């Protein structure tokens, strides 16, 4: 094929400007990738010449060359961010380019890349049939493809590709924002906003699951209720902000004294409930005593103020005859009242 025939009516770009893309690449802008798939070496040469000065949205264009549909498919699979393909219809077979279009869209699953078909046999298939049957962005006879028309076709395809990329980016951002919002809502629905431990509703869900497991496998399940002694006086003397800081510090100490498998939730203003899977009454009492000592051993420092904190704790162990954990919690509450009446800062075990 003659270069003059391919770009018959246009003034060809000055080959001295062929370094423009390389110079633009030095600016750090990533190039637009354009794949030229054609089995005629002259087509590659004149295409490179015609697009040498092309710069779209402050980014240069980089041409990738191949001479068969099979090679083009391999490049596409290895390089998913190709923006445009200038694709010859007739290569290793008479319809190699057309078959490649189907594989790109269906097998490779690439719906973003823009495809411009070029053929030396335009009468072989009516243009309208091709446009309707294949997802392409242009179909041009090589004899009609001037330098200016090629330049315009590639820019139009790049604009379409950039629009799709921007749409996908925005959709991805919205999807991430939706996921983050869902996570926040789930946290709000399950966590106490002040201390970050489970709220009562989530605790009861976890307790029901642990109870079902204990019943199924014949295992123990312990709980204890913890109430800070005289906590209202802390708020009255130091203010609510200090009281909140104390509660967060209390949670930190309690968690440090618990095991990884234990669950803690805030059940009231200064009240917490702890669930201990696979733990009998004696073991639950040991953990509860460790928690009590962790709170009482040293005051909590808030803005250089030392605030002593103690807790009364009621311990209960689930009994196989109890239909739900609510009955176990009710017995732990009675034990907590007994701890308060016995002088506070102590652990009491429920009967049973």
Foldseek 3Di string as FASTA:
>chain_A
DDLCLLAVPDDWADVVLLCVQVVLVVVVAEAAEEEEEAQDPVVVVSLSRLQSNDDAPSHHYDYDYDHFLVVVVVVCLVDVRHAEYAAECQGPHNRRRVVSQCCVCPVVVRPLHAYEYEYQCCVPDPPVVCVVPGVHQYYYYSSPNHSVNSSVSVNVSNVSSVVVVVVVVVVVVVVVVVVVVVVVVVQVVFADVLQGAGAPVNVQVVQQVLVVVCLVVVAKKKKKKKAKPPLVVVCVVPNPVVSSVVLNVLVVLLVVLDDPPKGKYAHDDRMIMIMDHRAAQVRVQVSVLSSQCSQQVFFDDDPNDGHRIGIQMFMFMDDSVDPGCVVRVVQSVVQSVVCVVVPGSDYGYGDD
